[in-house]
Amino acid sequence: MFFKLSHQPMTLLQPLFWLSIGMILLVILVTDLKKMIIPNGAVILLTGLTLIYRMILVVLGIMQSADWWSSLLATLVTGGIFLGLWLLTKGRGLGFGDVKLVIPLGLLLGWPRILVALQLAFLMGAVVGIMLVVLGKHSLKKPIPFGPFLILGTVISLVWGYGISAWYLALMGF
């Protein structure tokens, strides 16, 4: 579970951290829906808060250093994949704001929950996109903001990510 109150000073810091993260994600979601941009300031704040929070957890012995490195690996792999997609599509298939957004999301979720979040985001984005085109509300040439799907996938993965990945691995016979 991602939200488990622990000893001092985390009983105060942890709820403040998650409240701040929720507010920043909400700002990003609404801004991307309304203006098709992901604000740099929000991404920088999200990244900074997550880095500081993770470091505090490691220093206090609440988080193992292996989990810290796992989060960094998730960030590098995810950021690299999204940067590759952005370069491959020359920015038409994915906005650079999405590339920047997955950096703090990788730090926040770590491995393997970032994979769950991304799979859910791509699946939900595809379903909504197809429905909008079929219903005549959208054309194939008009972009759809992807940030809200990344955020929704992240929230689902924060709550149920480990369970979903365990279910999926069991389904695949692992």
C-alpha atoms as a PDB file:
ATOM      1  CA  MET A   1       0.000   0.000   0.000  1.00  0.00           C
ATOM      2  CA  PHE A   2       1.347   3.423  -0.908  1.00  0.00           C
ATOM      3  CA  PHE A   3      -0.089   5.394   2.025  1.00  0.00           C
ATOM      4  CA  LYS A   4       0.796   3.916   5.369  1.00  0.00           C
ATOM      5  CA  LEU A   5       1.406   6.271   8.243  1.00  0.00           C
ATOM      6  CA  SER A   6       4.642   5.574  10.036  1.00  0.00           C
ATOM      7  CA  HIS A   7       6.609   7.085  12.890  1.00  0.00           C
ATOM      8  CA  GLN A   8       7.431  10.765  13.476  1.00  0.00           C
ATOM      9  CA  PRO A   9       8.005  13.035  11.572  1.00  0.00           C
ATOM     10  CA  MET A  10       6.290  11.099   8.766  1.00  0.00           C
ATOM     11  CA  THR A  11       2.869  11.142  10.440  1.00  0.00           C
ATOM     12  CA  LEU A  12       2.768  14.838   9.511  1.00  0.00           C
ATOM     13  CA  LEU A  13       4.950  14.882   6.389  1.00  0.00           C
ATOM     14  CA  GLN A  14       3.338  11.953   4.618  1.00  0.00           C
ATOM     15  CA  PRO A  15      -0.225  13.351   4.468  1.00  0.00           C
ATOM     16  CA  LEU A  16       1.147  16.765   3.439  1.00  0.00           C
ATOM     17  CA  PHE A  17       3.230  15.132   0.726  1.00  0.00           C
ATOM     18  CA  TRP A  18       0.305  13.180  -0.742  1.00  0.00           C
ATOM     19  CA  LEU A  19      -2.005  16.194  -0.528  1.00  0.00           C
ATOM     20  CA  SER A  20       0.583  18.280  -2.394  1.00  0.00           C
ATOM     21  CA  ILE A  21       1.081  15.558  -4.994  1.00  0.00           C
ATOM     22  CA  GLY A  22      -2.684  15.281  -5.504  1.00  0.00           C
ATOM     23  CA  MET A  23      -3.046  19.028  -5.960  1.00  0.00           C
ATOM     24  CA  ILE A  24      -0.175  19.199  -8.460  1.00  0.00           C
ATOM     25  CA  LEU A  25      -1.563  16.254 -10.437  1.00  0.00           C
ATOM     26  CA  LEU A  26      -4.974  17.938 -10.497  1.00  0.00           C
ATOM     27  CA  VAL A  27      -3.434  21.175 -11.834  1.00  0.00           C
ATOM     28  CA  ILE A  28      -1.624  19.219 -14.557  1.00  0.00           C
ATOM     29  CA  LEU A  29      -4.747  17.249 -15.467  1.00  0.00           C
ATOM     30  CA  VAL A  30      -6.988  20.325 -15.790  1.00  0.00           C
ATOM     31  CA  THR A  31      -4.361  22.397 -17.628  1.00  0.00           C
ATOM     32  CA  ASP A  32      -3.689  19.621 -20.136  1.00  0.00           C
ATOM     33  CA  LEU A  33      -7.415  19.100 -20.741  1.00  0.00           C
ATOM     34  CA  LYS A  34      -8.112  22.813 -21.224  1.00  0.00           C
ATOM     35  CA  LYS A  35      -4.944  24.075 -22.932  1.00  0.00           C
ATOM     36  CA  MET A  36      -3.171  20.931 -24.205  1.00  0.00           C
ATOM     37  CA  ILE A  37      -0.024  21.800 -22.230  1.00  0.00           C
ATOM     38  CA  ILE A  38       1.635  20.371 -19.153  1.00  0.00           C
ATOM     39  CA  PRO A  39       3.096  23.252 -17.118  1.00  0.00           C
ATOM     40  CA  ASN A  40       6.856  23.041 -16.560  1.00  0.00           C
ATOM     41  CA  GLY A  41       6.527  24.549 -13.088  1.00  0.00           C
ATOM     42  CA  ALA A  42       4.126  21.819 -11.985  1.00  0.00           C
ATOM     43  CA  VAL A  43       6.397  19.078 -13.356  1.00  0.00           C
ATOM     44  CA  ILE A  44       9.463  20.609 -11.679  1.00  0.00           C
ATOM     45  CA  LEU A  45       7.603  20.938  -8.360  1.00  0.00           C
ATOM     46  CA  LEU A  46       6.303  17.366  -8.624  1.00  0.00           C
ATOM     47  CA  THR A  47       9.799  16.075  -9.385  1.00  0.00           C
ATOM     48  CA  GLY A  48      11.437  18.073  -6.592  1.00  0.00           C
ATOM     49  CA  LEU A  49       8.883  17.088  -3.945  1.00  0.00           C
ATOM     50  CA  THR A  50       9.095  13.433  -4.933  1.00  0.00           C
ATOM     51  CA  LEU A  51      12.906  13.416  -4.870  1.00  0.00           C
ATOM     52  CA  ILE A  52      13.016  15.092  -1.453  1.00  0.00           C
ATOM     53  CA  TYR A  53      10.330  12.781  -0.049  1.00  0.00           C
ATOM     54  CA  ARG A  54      12.076   9.655  -1.335  1.00  0.00           C
ATOM     55  CA  MET A  55      15.418  10.813   0.096  1.00  0.00           C
ATOM     56  CA  ILE A  56      13.801  11.481   3.494  1.00  0.00           C
ATOM     57  CA  LEU A  57      12.344   7.955   3.442  1.00  0.00           C
ATOM     58  CA  VAL A  58      15.775   6.468   2.708  1.00  0.00           C
ATOM     59  CA  VAL A  59      17.531   8.553   5.380  1.00  0.00           C
ATOM     60  CA  LEU A  60      14.928   7.573   8.004  1.00  0.00           C
ATOM     61  CA  GLY A  61      15.267   3.904   7.041  1.00  0.00           C
ATOM     62  CA  ILE A  62      11.626   3.639   5.938  1.00  0.00           C
ATOM     63  CA  MET A  63      12.594   3.013   2.329  1.00  0.00           C
ATOM     64  CA  GLN A  64      15.394   0.661   1.363  1.00  0.00           C
ATOM     65  CA  SER A  65      18.096   1.992  -0.922  1.00  0.00           C
ATOM     66  CA  ALA A  66      17.228  -0.772  -3.413  1.00  0.00           C
ATOM     67  CA  ASP A  67      13.756   0.764  -3.753  1.00  0.00           C
ATOM     68  CA  TRP A  68      15.361   4.183  -4.308  1.00  0.00           C
ATOM     69  CA  TRP A  69      17.458   2.777  -7.145  1.00  0.00           C
ATOM     70  CA  SER A  70      14.393   0.988  -8.499  1.00  0.00           C
ATOM     71  CA  SER A  71      12.564   4.321  -8.668  1.00  0.00           C
ATOM     72  CA  LEU A  72      15.496   5.930 -10.458  1.00  0.00           C
ATOM     73  CA  LEU A  73      15.648   3.037 -12.911  1.00  0.00           C
ATOM     74  CA  ALA A  74      11.898   3.313 -13.548  1.00  0.00           C
ATOM     75  CA  THR A  75      12.358   7.021 -14.199  1.00  0.00           C
ATOM     76  CA  LEU A  76      15.254   6.555 -16.622  1.00  0.00           C
ATOM     77  CA  VAL A  77      13.613   3.717 -18.550  1.00  0.00           C
ATOM     78  CA  THR A  78      10.233   5.437 -18.770  1.00  0.00           C
ATOM     79  CA  GLY A  79      11.728   8.800 -19.672  1.00  0.00           C
ATOM     80  CA  GLY A  80      13.904   7.137 -22.315  1.00  0.00           C
ATOM     81  CA  ILE A  81      10.987   5.264 -23.862  1.00  0.00           C
ATOM     82  CA  PHE A  82       8.835   8.394 -23.981  1.00  0.00           C
ATOM     83  CA  LEU A  83      11.679  10.487 -25.388  1.00  0.00           C
ATOM     84  CA  GLY A  84      12.179   7.801 -28.034  1.00  0.00           C
ATOM     85  CA  LEU A  85       8.474   7.848 -28.919  1.00  0.00           C
ATOM     86  CA  TRP A  86       8.530  11.635 -29.096  1.00  0.00           C
ATOM     87  CA  LEU A  87      11.579  11.608 -31.404  1.00  0.00           C
ATOM     88  CA  LEU A  88      10.205   8.751 -33.525  1.00  0.00           C
ATOM     89  CA  THR A  89       6.886  10.520 -34.117  1.00  0.00           C
ATOM     90  CA  LYS A  90       8.567  13.959 -34.388  1.00  0.00           C
ATOM     91  CA  GLY A  91       6.279  15.209 -31.641  1.00  0.00           C
ATOM     92  CA  ARG A  92       3.064  14.298 -33.479  1.00  0.00           C
ATOM     93  CA  GLY A  93       2.259  11.114 -31.572  1.00  0.00           C
ATOM     94  CA  LEU A  94       3.207  12.386 -28.132  1.00  0.00           C
ATOM     95  CA  GLY A  95       3.805  15.836 -26.710  1.00  0.00           C
ATOM     96  CA  PHE A  96       7.047  16.783 -24.986  1.00  0.00           C
ATOM     97  CA  GLY A  97       5.036  17.635 -21.867  1.00  0.00           C
ATOM     98  CA  ASP A  98       4.169  13.938 -21.593  1.00  0.00           C
ATOM     99  CA  VAL A  99       7.877  13.084 -21.841  1.00  0.00           C
ATOM    100  CA  LYS A 100       8.609  15.466 -18.959  1.00  0.00           C
ATOM    101  CA  LEU A 101       5.623  14.239 -16.908  1.00  0.00           C
ATOM    102  CA  VAL A 102       6.708  10.591 -16.842  1.00  0.00           C
ATOM    103  CA  ILE A 103       9.931  11.562 -15.040  1.00  0.00           C
ATOM    104  CA  PRO A 104       8.282  12.410 -11.702  1.00  0.00           C
ATOM    105  CA  LEU A 105       5.704   9.652 -12.217  1.00  0.00           C
ATOM    106  CA  GLY A 106       8.520   7.092 -12.481  1.00  0.00           C
ATOM    107  CA  LEU A 107      10.045   8.465  -9.278  1.00  0.00           C
ATOM    108  CA  LEU A 108       6.689   8.424  -7.545  1.00  0.00           C
ATOM    109  CA  LEU A 109       5.647   4.909  -8.573  1.00  0.00           C
ATOM    110  CA  GLY A 110       8.900   3.018  -8.968  1.00  0.00           C
ATOM    111  CA  TRP A 111       9.190  -0.406 -10.536  1.00  0.00           C
ATOM    112  CA  PRO A 112       6.919  -2.266 -11.470  1.00  0.00           C
ATOM    113  CA  ARG A 113       4.015   0.083 -10.755  1.00  0.00           C
ATOM    114  CA  ILE A 114       5.126   2.528 -13.457  1.00  0.00           C
ATOM    115  CA  LEU A 115       4.511  -0.244 -16.009  1.00  0.00           C
ATOM    116  CA  VAL A 116       0.965  -0.696 -14.718  1.00  0.00           C
ATOM    117  CA  ALA A 117       0.347   3.061 -14.910  1.00  0.00           C
ATOM    118  CA  LEU A 118       1.642   3.272 -18.483  1.00  0.00           C
ATOM    119  CA  GLN A 119      -0.308   0.251 -19.687  1.00  0.00           C
ATOM    120  CA  LEU A 120      -3.493   1.654 -18.160  1.00  0.00           C
ATOM    121  CA  ALA A 121      -2.816   5.120 -19.608  1.00  0.00           C
ATOM    122  CA  PHE A 122      -2.284   3.798 -23.134  1.00  0.00           C
ATOM    123  CA  LEU A 123      -5.301   1.483 -22.873  1.00  0.00           C
ATOM    124  CA  MET A 124      -7.639   4.180 -21.515  1.00  0.00           C
ATOM    125  CA  GLY A 125      -6.335   6.726 -24.032  1.00  0.00           C
ATOM    126  CA  ALA A 126      -6.929   4.334 -26.917  1.00  0.00           C
ATOM    127  CA  VAL A 127     -10.450   3.421 -25.767  1.00  0.00           C
ATOM    128  CA  VAL A 128     -11.460   7.063 -25.233  1.00  0.00           C
ATOM    129  CA  GLY A 129      -9.851   8.135 -28.510  1.00  0.00           C
ATOM    130  CA  ILE A 130     -11.626   5.423 -30.496  1.00  0.00           C
ATOM    131  CA  MET A 131     -14.944   6.238 -28.818  1.00  0.00           C
ATOM    132  CA  LEU A 132     -14.576   9.951 -29.607  1.00  0.00           C
ATOM    133  CA  VAL A 133     -13.800   9.220 -33.260  1.00  0.00           C
ATOM    134  CA  VAL A 134     -16.644   6.698 -33.616  1.00  0.00           C
ATOM    135  CA  LEU A 135     -19.094   9.138 -31.995  1.00  0.00           C
ATOM    136  CA  GLY A 136     -17.944  11.890 -34.352  1.00  0.00           C
ATOM    137  CA  LYS A 137     -16.717  14.111 -31.506  1.00  0.00           C
ATOM    138  CA  HIS A 138     -13.100  13.967 -32.629  1.00  0.00           C
ATOM    139  CA  SER A 139     -11.055  13.418 -35.791  1.00  0.00           C
ATOM    140  CA  LEU A 140      -7.955  11.286 -36.188  1.00  0.00           C
ATOM    141  CA  LYS A 141      -5.854  14.364 -36.996  1.00  0.00           C
ATOM    142  CA  LYS A 142      -6.837  16.255 -33.853  1.00  0.00           C
ATOM    143  CA  PRO A 143      -4.648  15.539 -30.800  1.00  0.00           C
ATOM    144  CA  ILE A 144      -6.038  14.302 -27.497  1.00  0.00           C
ATOM    145  CA  PRO A 145      -4.256  15.306 -24.277  1.00  0.00           C
ATOM    146  CA  PHE A 146      -2.447  12.278 -22.865  1.00  0.00           C
ATOM    147  CA  GLY A 147      -1.497  13.758 -19.481  1.00  0.00           C
ATOM    148  CA  PRO A 148      -4.902  13.017 -17.899  1.00  0.00           C
ATOM    149  CA  PHE A 149      -4.557   9.347 -18.859  1.00  0.00           C
ATOM    150  CA  LEU A 150      -1.040   9.227 -17.394  1.00  0.00           C
ATOM    151  CA  ILE A 151      -2.360  10.755 -14.179  1.00  0.00           C
ATOM    152  CA  LEU A 152      -5.354   8.420 -13.961  1.00  0.00           C
ATOM    153  CA  GLY A 153      -3.081   5.419 -14.621  1.00  0.00           C
ATOM    154  CA  THR A 154      -0.751   6.693 -11.890  1.00  0.00           C
ATOM    155  CA  VAL A 155      -3.536   7.037  -9.323  1.00  0.00           C
ATOM    156  CA  ILE A 156      -4.846   3.545 -10.097  1.00  0.00           C
ATOM    157  CA  SER A 157      -1.316   2.146  -9.922  1.00  0.00           C
ATOM    158  CA  LEU A 158      -0.625   3.867  -6.592  1.00  0.00           C
ATOM    159  CA  VAL A 159      -3.613   2.097  -5.067  1.00  0.00           C
ATOM    160  CA  TRP A 160      -3.719  -1.243  -6.904  1.00  0.00           C
ATOM    161  CA  GLY A 161      -0.452  -1.404  -8.897  1.00  0.00           C
ATOM    162  CA  TYR A 162       1.191  -4.267  -7.037  1.00  0.00           C
ATOM    163  CA  GLY A 163      -2.007  -6.323  -7.132  1.00  0.00           C
ATOM    164  CA  ILE A 164      -2.532  -5.672 -10.842  1.00  0.00           C
ATOM    165  CA  SER A 165       1.055  -6.595 -11.726  1.00  0.00           C
ATOM    166  CA  ALA A 166       0.866  -9.769  -9.600  1.00  0.00           C
ATOM    167  CA  TRP A 167      -2.425 -10.731 -11.277  1.00  0.00           C
ATOM    168  CA  TYR A 168      -0.966 -10.089 -14.730  1.00  0.00           C
ATOM    169  CA  LEU A 169       2.200 -12.096 -14.031  1.00  0.00           C
ATOM    170  CA  ALA A 170       0.099 -14.987 -12.679  1.00  0.00           C
ATOM    171  CA  LEU A 171      -2.066 -14.801 -15.796  1.00  0.00           C
ATOM    172  CA  MET A 172       1.074 -15.069 -17.938  1.00  0.00           C
ATOM    173  CA  GLY A 173       2.258 -18.097 -15.912  1.00  0.00           C
ATOM    174  CA  PHE A 174       5.075 -16.415 -13.974  1.00  0.00           C
END
